[in-house]
Amino acid sequence: MATQLTPKENYLRIINGEMPEWVPVFEMFGGEYSAMTGPMGLFGNFRGPEGGVDPWGVKYVTNEETGWAALPEPGNFILEDITKWHEVIKKPAVNFEDIDWELMSKRDIEAGKVDYENKVVSTGSNFSPFQDLMSFMGFSEGLLTYFTEPDSVHELYDFMCSYWEPFIEATVQWYKPHMFGIGDDSASKYAPFISPAMYHEFLYPYYKRIFKPAVDRGLPISFHNCGRCEDYLDDMIDLGVKQWDPAQRENDLLGIKAKYKGKLAVAGGWEFKVPLTWPVVDEEEIRQSVRDVIDELAPGGGFLFGGGVLGQAGDELVKKINGWVMDEAKKYGKTFYTKSQH
């Protein structure tokens, strides 16, 4: 049976808690079903292959072995004493009041050839309060500040949030996205870095502020949080989060789907298990693993398939595996609901 919905319409059905016609493939930076837009070029791509310095002065480095994934330069943290943050963390040079937002948004949308008609278009922010603090101080010192200097943490977050609020207000006004996204990794593979109570105390208030321009316009929130972060989902949904990725297997994905049915779209579910035969990989096993994930998580809706293999930049085997994954997910997901009706 031919599908009747556009990719955008099908995707938004899932976000709105309705049954889709097929299972889309979630791609973080856009793809067949979604697209990214926004003025992120204002600050350069400091997490790209060249590395660089973020708006607050943190130097990011990268290498070929990690596929150009960037992280704050080890041993070069810019803040040692949270109580002296105001001496180190300064307002970035970009003044949002000086920008012609109408002209810039028109130029960016046209240059990016953003397909608002057929794809779900997202925009976002560079504000990630948990990761920002860890990038300033490192994990050991950064996590300790939540216990030892809570007032200073709130002062710093208030300062940073106040800088980003007009940026987000202008972005959602002029770029007119269908969804607003944020990424803030506050969990390890097996456990949250902080308790749900600390999450609510230190992060929730600032997420609420930066989401407000989008929530006030009725835009759903997409939240990227790696690791076992299911402990935070109650707060995330209360904030307006409608889509969560990458939904890794350490979380109880079936339990989450049941608990938040109609309220949360789970985007992810597939993770690569390195076979004992590596670098010999069986294509059919990879494809079957994709089908297995869709069979497990797609029933009842509320699911976007997502997953892939990370590796050294240019690794041909990694490219081949990811090609199998994407091809199978799109083919199998396209017919999943129609075949399940017969």
Protein backbone atom coordinates (compact mmCIF):
# COMPACT_ATOMS: atom_id res chain seq x y z
CA MET A 1 0.00 0.00 0.00
CA ALA A 2 1.41 3.39 -0.98
CA THR A 3 1.89 5.85 1.84
CA GLN A 4 -0.35 8.90 1.91
CA LEU A 5 1.59 11.10 4.30
CA THR A 6 4.63 13.24 3.60
CA PRO A 7 7.72 12.51 5.73
CA LYS A 8 6.90 15.65 7.74
CA GLU A 9 3.30 14.61 8.38
CA ASN A 10 4.32 11.09 9.34
CA TYR A 11 7.05 12.33 11.68
CA LEU A 12 4.74 14.82 13.38
CA ARG A 13 2.18 12.10 13.98
CA ILE A 14 4.74 10.34 16.17
CA ILE A 15 5.68 13.55 17.97
CA ASN A 16 1.98 14.23 18.63
CA GLY A 17 1.38 10.78 20.06
CA GLU A 18 -0.53 9.49 17.03
CA MET A 19 0.05 6.36 14.95
CA PRO A 20 2.34 6.90 11.93
CA GLU A 21 2.12 5.15 8.59
CA TRP A 22 5.73 3.99 8.77
CA VAL A 23 8.78 3.97 11.04
CA PRO A 24 11.07 6.91 10.20
CA VAL A 25 14.83 6.83 10.62
CA PHE A 26 16.10 9.42 13.08
CA GLU A 27 19.24 11.24 11.92
CA MET A 28 20.59 13.74 14.41
CA PHE A 29 21.67 16.37 11.90
CA GLY A 30 18.88 15.87 9.44
CA GLY A 31 18.25 13.46 6.62
CA GLU A 32 15.33 12.06 4.64
CA TYR A 33 12.74 12.98 7.27
CA SER A 34 14.13 16.02 9.07
CA ALA A 35 16.35 19.06 8.59
CA MET A 36 18.31 21.52 10.69
CA THR A 37 18.28 25.29 10.41
CA GLY A 38 19.29 28.26 12.51
CA PRO A 39 22.07 30.79 13.04
CA MET A 40 24.62 28.41 14.54
CA GLY A 41 27.30 29.77 12.21
CA LEU A 42 27.46 32.85 14.39
CA PHE A 43 30.01 31.08 16.59
CA GLY A 44 31.77 28.85 14.09
CA ASN A 45 31.94 25.07 14.16
CA PHE A 46 34.24 24.67 17.16
CA ARG A 47 33.30 20.98 17.42
CA GLY A 48 34.17 20.27 13.79
CA PRO A 49 37.26 18.57 12.33
CA GLU A 50 39.41 21.63 12.96
CA GLY A 51 38.44 22.03 16.60
CA GLY A 52 38.31 25.57 17.91
CA VAL A 53 37.18 27.74 20.79
CA ASP A 54 33.58 27.91 21.99
CA PRO A 55 31.75 31.18 22.88
CA TRP A 56 32.92 30.95 26.50
CA GLY A 57 36.61 30.38 25.75
CA VAL A 58 36.87 26.58 26.02
CA LYS A 59 39.28 25.08 23.51
CA TYR A 60 38.03 21.96 21.72
CA VAL A 61 40.33 19.40 20.12
CA THR A 62 39.65 16.45 17.85
CA ASN A 63 41.39 13.70 15.91
CA GLU A 64 40.88 11.31 13.04
CA GLU A 65 40.73 8.22 15.27
CA THR A 66 37.51 9.41 16.92
CA GLY A 67 35.89 10.38 13.63
CA TRP A 68 36.55 14.07 14.40
CA ALA A 69 34.43 13.96 17.55
CA ALA A 70 35.61 16.97 19.58
CA LEU A 71 36.02 17.40 23.32
CA PRO A 72 37.47 20.08 25.60
CA GLU A 73 41.25 19.97 25.47
CA PRO A 74 42.41 17.64 28.28
CA GLY A 75 44.15 19.38 31.16
CA ASN A 76 43.27 22.83 29.88
CA PHE A 77 40.22 23.72 31.96
CA ILE A 78 39.52 27.42 32.22
CA LEU A 79 37.81 27.58 35.64
CA GLU A 80 39.35 26.31 38.88
CA ASP A 81 37.20 28.01 41.52
CA ILE A 82 33.46 28.20 40.84
CA THR A 83 33.11 31.10 43.29
CA LYS A 84 35.29 33.18 40.94
CA TRP A 85 33.41 32.31 37.78
CA HIS A 86 32.67 35.99 37.07
CA GLU A 87 36.41 36.63 36.69
CA VAL A 88 36.73 33.97 33.98
CA ILE A 89 33.41 33.45 32.24
CA LYS A 90 32.64 36.58 30.23
CA LYS A 91 29.76 37.49 27.97
CA PRO A 92 30.57 36.29 24.43
CA ALA A 93 31.44 38.87 21.80
CA VAL A 94 28.33 38.28 19.67
CA ASN A 95 25.64 40.82 20.59
CA PHE A 96 22.26 39.51 19.49
CA GLU A 97 20.70 42.99 19.47
CA ASP A 98 23.06 44.03 16.67
CA ILE A 99 21.83 41.30 14.29
CA ASP A 100 19.34 41.80 11.49
CA TRP A 101 17.50 38.55 12.25
CA GLU A 102 15.04 38.86 9.38
CA LEU A 103 17.81 39.20 6.81
CA MET A 104 20.03 36.51 8.37
CA SER A 105 17.23 33.94 8.66
CA LYS A 106 16.18 34.50 5.05
CA ARG A 107 19.76 34.06 3.88
CA ASP A 108 20.41 30.95 6.01
CA ILE A 109 17.18 29.23 5.02
CA GLU A 110 17.77 29.86 1.33
CA ALA A 111 21.42 28.81 1.51
CA GLY A 112 20.54 25.61 3.32
CA LYS A 113 17.68 24.84 0.93
CA VAL A 114 15.58 23.92 3.96
CA ASP A 115 12.50 21.90 2.98
CA TYR A 116 9.86 23.15 5.41
CA GLU A 117 7.09 21.60 3.35
CA ASN A 118 8.15 17.97 3.51
CA LYS A 119 10.52 17.67 6.48
CA VAL A 120 10.38 18.39 10.19
CA VAL A 121 12.71 21.37 10.60
CA SER A 122 14.52 21.82 13.91
CA THR A 123 16.64 24.54 15.40
CA GLY A 124 18.50 24.71 18.70
CA SER A 125 20.96 26.41 21.00
CA ASN A 126 24.58 26.16 22.07
CA PHE A 127 23.48 26.23 25.72
CA SER A 128 24.09 22.88 27.47
CA PRO A 129 24.37 23.75 31.18
CA PHE A 130 25.61 20.39 32.45
CA GLN A 131 28.19 19.90 29.71
CA ASP A 132 29.21 23.55 29.82
CA LEU A 133 30.14 23.38 33.50
CA MET A 134 32.08 20.14 32.99
CA SER A 135 33.91 21.69 30.03
CA PHE A 136 34.88 24.67 32.21
CA MET A 137 36.15 22.63 35.17
CA GLY A 138 36.41 18.94 34.27
CA PHE A 139 34.12 16.27 35.66
CA SER A 140 35.66 15.84 39.11
CA GLU A 141 35.65 19.52 40.01
CA GLY A 142 32.47 20.29 38.09
CA LEU A 143 30.41 17.62 39.83
CA LEU A 144 31.73 18.63 43.24
CA THR A 145 30.46 22.17 42.81
CA TYR A 146 26.86 20.94 42.93
CA PHE A 147 27.57 19.80 46.49
CA THR A 148 30.01 22.43 47.71
CA GLU A 149 28.98 25.71 46.02
CA PRO A 150 25.37 25.44 44.84
CA ASP A 151 24.78 29.21 44.98
CA SER A 152 27.72 29.86 42.66
CA VAL A 153 26.48 27.23 40.22
CA HIS A 154 23.09 28.94 40.07
CA GLU A 155 24.72 32.35 39.58
CA LEU A 156 26.79 31.03 36.70
CA TYR A 157 23.85 29.26 35.07
CA ASP A 158 21.66 32.34 35.44
CA PHE A 159 24.34 34.46 33.74
CA MET A 160 24.73 32.03 30.84
CA CYS A 161 21.02 31.43 30.45
CA SER A 162 20.35 35.17 30.37
CA TYR A 163 22.78 35.48 27.46
CA TRP A 164 21.08 32.72 25.45
CA GLU A 165 17.44 33.66 26.05
CA PRO A 166 17.25 36.46 23.43
CA PHE A 167 19.09 34.23 20.95
CA ILE A 168 16.46 31.52 21.31
CA GLU A 169 13.59 33.99 21.22
CA ALA A 170 14.85 35.45 17.94
CA THR A 171 15.70 32.05 16.47
CA VAL A 172 12.24 30.55 16.93
CA GLN A 173 10.61 33.80 15.81
CA TRP A 174 12.53 34.23 12.56
CA TYR A 175 13.52 30.68 11.54
CA LYS A 176 10.04 29.31 12.33
CA PRO A 177 11.07 25.71 13.06
CA HIS A 178 8.68 22.85 13.69
CA MET A 179 10.74 21.68 16.67
CA PHE A 180 13.34 23.05 19.08
CA GLY A 181 16.31 20.86 20.03
CA ILE A 182 18.92 20.71 22.76
CA GLY A 183 21.75 18.34 23.62
CA ASP A 184 23.08 17.98 27.15
CA ASP A 185 24.66 14.66 28.16
CA SER A 186 24.16 14.29 31.92
CA ALA A 187 24.40 10.50 32.24
CA SER A 188 27.09 7.85 31.85
CA LYS A 189 26.54 4.55 30.07
CA TYR A 190 25.18 2.86 33.19
CA ALA A 191 23.94 5.61 35.52
CA PRO A 192 23.11 9.32 35.73
CA PHE A 193 25.97 11.61 36.73
CA ILE A 194 23.71 13.36 39.22
CA SER A 195 20.54 12.37 41.08
CA PRO A 196 17.07 13.22 39.77
CA ALA A 197 16.75 15.64 42.71
CA MET A 198 19.92 17.46 41.64
CA TYR A 199 18.77 17.43 38.04
CA HIS A 200 15.57 19.15 39.13
CA GLU A 201 17.42 21.66 41.30
CA PHE A 202 20.31 22.62 39.03
CA LEU A 203 19.24 21.96 35.44
CA TYR A 204 15.45 21.97 35.25
CA PRO A 205 15.02 25.72 35.96
CA TYR A 206 17.41 26.73 33.17
CA TYR A 207 16.02 24.26 30.65
CA LYS A 208 12.60 25.71 31.41
CA ARG A 209 13.83 29.23 30.69
CA ILE A 210 15.54 28.40 27.42
CA PHE A 211 12.64 26.26 26.23
CA LYS A 212 10.07 28.96 27.00
CA PRO A 213 10.16 30.77 23.62
CA ALA A 214 9.56 27.45 21.87
CA VAL A 215 6.98 26.12 24.34
CA ASP A 216 5.06 29.40 24.23
CA ARG A 217 4.71 28.91 20.47
CA GLY A 218 3.57 25.32 20.86
CA LEU A 219 6.80 23.79 19.54
CA PRO A 220 7.77 20.31 20.74
CA ILE A 221 11.21 19.91 22.33
CA SER A 222 13.74 17.37 21.10
CA PHE A 223 16.30 16.39 23.76
CA HIS A 224 19.57 14.57 23.10
CA ASN A 225 20.88 12.88 26.24
CA CYS A 226 23.17 9.86 25.97
CA GLY A 227 23.53 7.07 28.48
CA ARG A 228 21.15 5.77 31.12
CA CYS A 229 19.17 8.93 31.69
CA GLU A 230 15.64 7.50 32.10
CA ASP A 231 15.63 8.80 35.69
CA TYR A 232 15.23 12.32 34.28
CA LEU A 233 12.34 11.63 31.92
CA ASP A 234 9.57 12.86 34.22
CA ASP A 235 11.23 16.27 34.38
CA MET A 236 12.03 16.25 30.67
CA ILE A 237 8.43 15.59 29.70
CA ASP A 238 7.22 18.23 32.13
CA LEU A 239 9.51 20.67 30.31
CA GLY A 240 7.84 19.94 26.97
CA VAL A 241 10.15 17.25 25.62
CA LYS A 242 8.36 15.21 22.96
CA GLN A 243 11.34 13.42 21.39
CA TRP A 244 14.31 11.86 23.15
CA ASP A 245 17.44 10.48 21.51
CA PRO A 246 19.60 8.44 21.27
CA ALA A 247 17.52 6.15 23.55
CA GLN A 248 20.32 3.71 24.28
CA ARG A 249 19.76 0.13 25.38
CA GLU A 250 20.87 0.74 28.99
CA ASN A 251 17.45 2.34 29.47
CA ASP A 252 14.26 0.29 29.84
CA LEU A 253 12.95 1.28 26.43
CA LEU A 254 9.87 -0.92 26.46
CA GLY A 255 8.98 0.27 29.96
CA ILE A 256 9.51 3.89 28.90
CA LYS A 257 7.28 3.44 25.85
CA ALA A 258 4.54 1.98 28.02
CA LYS A 259 4.83 4.61 30.77
CA TYR A 260 4.91 7.62 28.46
CA LYS A 261 2.71 6.33 25.65
CA GLY A 262 1.43 9.25 23.60
CA LYS A 263 3.70 11.70 25.43
CA LEU A 264 7.22 10.81 24.27
CA ALA A 265 8.75 9.67 20.99
CA VAL A 266 11.71 7.34 21.54
CA ALA A 267 14.38 7.88 18.87
CA GLY A 268 17.15 5.29 18.81
CA GLY A 269 17.15 1.71 20.04
CA TRP A 270 19.88 0.17 17.86
CA GLU A 271 23.44 -0.26 19.06
CA PHE A 272 26.32 -2.04 17.40
CA LYS A 273 27.81 -5.08 19.11
CA VAL A 274 31.33 -5.75 17.87
CA PRO A 275 31.41 -9.41 16.76
CA LEU A 276 34.18 -11.77 17.84
CA THR A 277 34.99 -12.15 14.14
CA TRP A 278 35.84 -8.44 13.73
CA PRO A 279 36.80 -7.09 11.21
CA VAL A 280 34.74 -9.77 9.49
CA VAL A 281 31.10 -8.67 9.76
CA ASP A 282 28.07 -10.55 8.45
CA GLU A 283 25.76 -8.25 6.51
CA GLU A 284 22.65 -10.35 7.12
CA GLU A 285 23.27 -10.37 10.87
CA ILE A 286 23.45 -6.58 10.85
CA ARG A 287 20.26 -6.29 8.83
CA GLN A 288 18.49 -8.79 11.08
CA SER A 289 19.52 -6.82 14.15
CA VAL A 290 17.86 -3.74 12.62
CA ARG A 291 14.66 -5.68 11.96
CA ASP A 292 14.74 -7.05 15.51
CA VAL A 293 14.87 -3.55 17.01
CA ILE A 294 11.97 -2.34 14.87
CA ASP A 295 9.96 -5.46 15.69
CA GLU A 296 10.57 -4.84 19.39
CA LEU A 297 10.06 -1.08 19.68
CA ALA A 298 7.84 0.04 16.80
CA PRO A 299 4.52 -1.62 17.77
CA GLY A 300 2.03 0.95 18.98
CA GLY A 301 3.95 3.88 17.47
CA GLY A 302 6.02 6.37 19.43
CA PHE A 303 9.28 5.17 17.88
CA LEU A 304 11.86 6.42 15.41
CA PHE A 305 14.67 4.02 14.52
CA GLY A 306 18.12 5.41 15.24
CA GLY A 307 21.63 4.08 15.56
CA GLY A 308 24.95 3.68 13.84
CA VAL A 309 28.61 2.79 14.19
CA LEU A 310 31.23 5.31 15.24
CA GLY A 311 34.84 4.90 14.26
CA GLN A 312 37.90 6.39 12.64
CA ALA A 313 37.18 8.99 9.99
CA GLY A 314 37.11 7.43 6.55
CA ASP A 315 36.92 3.84 7.84
CA GLU A 316 35.39 1.96 4.91
CA LEU A 317 34.05 -0.90 7.03
CA VAL A 318 32.25 1.55 9.33
CA LYS A 319 30.75 3.25 6.28
CA LYS A 320 29.63 -0.11 4.89
CA ILE A 321 27.96 -1.18 8.15
CA ASN A 322 26.18 2.15 8.51
CA GLY A 323 25.00 1.81 4.93
CA TRP A 324 23.47 -1.59 5.70
CA VAL A 325 21.82 -0.21 8.83
CA MET A 326 20.28 2.80 7.11
CA ASP A 327 19.17 0.83 4.07
CA GLU A 328 17.48 -1.89 6.10
CA ALA A 329 15.89 0.53 8.56
CA LYS A 330 14.34 2.58 5.76
CA LYS A 331 13.14 -0.44 3.78
CA TYR A 332 11.81 -2.44 6.72
CA GLY A 333 10.44 0.56 8.58
CA LYS A 334 8.56 1.75 5.50
CA THR A 335 6.38 -1.34 5.42
CA PHE A 336 6.32 -2.32 9.10
CA TYR A 337 2.83 -1.12 10.00
CA THR A 338 1.21 -2.18 6.75
CA LYS A 339 2.65 -5.71 6.87
CA SER A 340 1.74 -6.08 10.53
CA GLN A 341 -1.91 -5.54 9.60
CA HIS A 342 -1.97 -8.68 7.44
